[in-house]
């Protein structure tokens, strides 16, 4: 999963030309999502189920995050 995160971050840097602060924020968010999914037992993004995504959204909502923040984290 982390390899895909790295590829995504490279895409943001090279193709979308995002600033370093934005890339750092995206790195934090995507690594946190990947860790959550790993804790649920997923090893690949293609294995992640809809119910796992719903669980992640619910967990983030319980932390008091706004819907826009939750969306960015995904």
C-alpha atoms as a PDB file:
ATOM      1  CA  UNK A   1       0.000   0.000   0.000  1.00  0.00           C
ATOM      2  CA  UNK A   2       2.819   2.387   0.802  1.00  0.00           C
ATOM      3  CA  UNK A   3       4.280   1.994  -2.680  1.00  0.00           C
ATOM      4  CA  UNK A   4       1.035   3.313  -4.166  1.00  0.00           C
ATOM      5  CA  UNK A   5       1.048   6.179  -1.669  1.00  0.00           C
ATOM      6  CA  UNK A   6       4.535   7.105  -2.869  1.00  0.00           C
ATOM      7  CA  UNK A   7       3.418   6.992  -6.491  1.00  0.00           C
ATOM      8  CA  UNK A   8       0.448   9.223  -5.664  1.00  0.00           C
ATOM      9  CA  UNK A   9       2.687  11.737  -3.912  1.00  0.00           C
ATOM     10  CA  UNK A  10       5.073  11.770  -6.873  1.00  0.00           C
ATOM     11  CA  UNK A  11       2.100  12.412  -9.156  1.00  0.00           C
ATOM     12  CA  UNK A  12       1.021  15.355  -7.007  1.00  0.00           C
ATOM     13  CA  UNK A  13       4.529  16.796  -7.040  1.00  0.00           C
ATOM     14  CA  UNK A  14       5.401  16.248 -10.688  1.00  0.00           C
ATOM     15  CA  UNK A  15       2.097  16.395 -12.552  1.00  0.00           C
ATOM     16  CA  UNK A  16       0.033  18.683 -10.344  1.00  0.00           C
ATOM     17  CA  UNK A  17       2.997  20.785  -9.223  1.00  0.00           C
ATOM     18  CA  UNK A  18       1.744  21.039  -5.638  1.00  0.00           C
ATOM     19  CA  UNK A  19       3.757  22.853  -3.023  1.00  0.00           C
ATOM     20  CA  UNK A  20       5.843  20.930  -0.530  1.00  0.00           C
ATOM     21  CA  UNK A  21       3.507  21.767   2.378  1.00  0.00           C
ATOM     22  CA  UNK A  22       0.554  20.331   0.464  1.00  0.00           C
ATOM     23  CA  UNK A  23       2.470  17.173  -0.369  1.00  0.00           C
ATOM     24  CA  UNK A  24       3.481  16.761   3.270  1.00  0.00           C
ATOM     25  CA  UNK A  25      -0.175  17.092   4.296  1.00  0.00           C
ATOM     26  CA  UNK A  26      -1.257  14.556   1.683  1.00  0.00           C
ATOM     27  CA  UNK A  27       1.524  12.203   2.805  1.00  0.00           C
ATOM     28  CA  UNK A  28       0.319  12.363   6.384  1.00  0.00           C
ATOM     29  CA  UNK A  29      -3.296  11.807   5.384  1.00  0.00           C
ATOM     30  CA  UNK A  30      -2.686   8.932   2.981  1.00  0.00           C
ATOM     31  CA  UNK A  31      -0.246   7.186   5.310  1.00  0.00           C
ATOM     32  CA  UNK A  32      -2.811   7.436   8.098  1.00  0.00           C
ATOM     33  CA  UNK A  33      -5.471   5.914   5.828  1.00  0.00           C
ATOM     34  CA  UNK A  34      -3.104   3.135   4.758  1.00  0.00           C
ATOM     35  CA  UNK A  35      -2.256   2.356   8.387  1.00  0.00           C
ATOM     36  CA  UNK A  36      -5.945   2.189   9.291  1.00  0.00           C
ATOM     37  CA  UNK A  37      -6.604  -0.239   6.443  1.00  0.00           C
ATOM     38  CA  UNK A  38      -3.587  -2.356   7.403  1.00  0.00           C
ATOM     39  CA  UNK A  39      -4.940  -2.605  10.947  1.00  0.00           C
ATOM     40  CA  UNK A  40      -8.145  -3.982   9.450  1.00  0.00           C
ATOM     41  CA  UNK A  41      -6.068  -6.624   7.685  1.00  0.00           C
ATOM     42  CA  UNK A  42      -5.906  -5.238   4.152  1.00  0.00           C
ATOM     43  CA  UNK A  43      -2.623  -5.592   2.288  1.00  0.00           C
ATOM     44  CA  UNK A  44      -3.614  -4.012  -1.029  1.00  0.00           C
ATOM     45  CA  UNK A  45      -5.832  -1.088  -1.951  1.00  0.00           C
ATOM     46  CA  UNK A  46      -7.760  -3.359  -4.310  1.00  0.00           C
ATOM     47  CA  UNK A  47      -8.832  -5.449  -1.301  1.00  0.00           C
ATOM     48  CA  UNK A  48     -10.317  -2.541   0.660  1.00  0.00           C
ATOM     49  CA  UNK A  49     -14.061  -2.977   1.040  1.00  0.00           C
ATOM     50  CA  UNK A  50     -16.791  -0.399   1.075  1.00  0.00           C
ATOM     51  CA  UNK A  51     -17.536  -1.244   4.707  1.00  0.00           C
ATOM     52  CA  UNK A  52     -13.895  -0.524   5.618  1.00  0.00           C
ATOM     53  CA  UNK A  53     -14.155   2.908   4.007  1.00  0.00           C
ATOM     54  CA  UNK A  54     -17.413   3.557   5.865  1.00  0.00           C
ATOM     55  CA  UNK A  55     -15.696   2.527   9.110  1.00  0.00           C
ATOM     56  CA  UNK A  56     -12.811   4.911   8.397  1.00  0.00           C
ATOM     57  CA  UNK A  57     -15.198   7.794   7.685  1.00  0.00           C
ATOM     58  CA  UNK A  58     -17.136   7.056  10.888  1.00  0.00           C
ATOM     59  CA  UNK A  59     -13.921   6.960  12.918  1.00  0.00           C
ATOM     60  CA  UNK A  60     -12.756  10.277  11.493  1.00  0.00           C
ATOM     61  CA  UNK A  61     -16.182  11.811  12.088  1.00  0.00           C
ATOM     62  CA  UNK A  62     -16.074  10.675  15.728  1.00  0.00           C
ATOM     63  CA  UNK A  63     -12.781  12.551  16.031  1.00  0.00           C
ATOM     64  CA  UNK A  64     -14.699  15.707  15.126  1.00  0.00           C
ATOM     65  CA  UNK A  65     -13.339  16.194  11.624  1.00  0.00           C
ATOM     66  CA  UNK A  66     -15.387  18.108   9.084  1.00  0.00           C
ATOM     67  CA  UNK A  67     -16.609  16.212   6.007  1.00  0.00           C
ATOM     68  CA  UNK A  68     -14.200  18.207   3.821  1.00  0.00           C
ATOM     69  CA  UNK A  69     -11.266  17.163   6.015  1.00  0.00           C
ATOM     70  CA  UNK A  70     -12.336  13.534   5.902  1.00  0.00           C
ATOM     71  CA  UNK A  71     -12.611  13.693   2.112  1.00  0.00           C
ATOM     72  CA  UNK A  72      -9.115  15.148   1.840  1.00  0.00           C
ATOM     73  CA  UNK A  73      -7.753  12.337   3.988  1.00  0.00           C
ATOM     74  CA  UNK A  74      -9.043   9.845   1.489  1.00  0.00           C
END
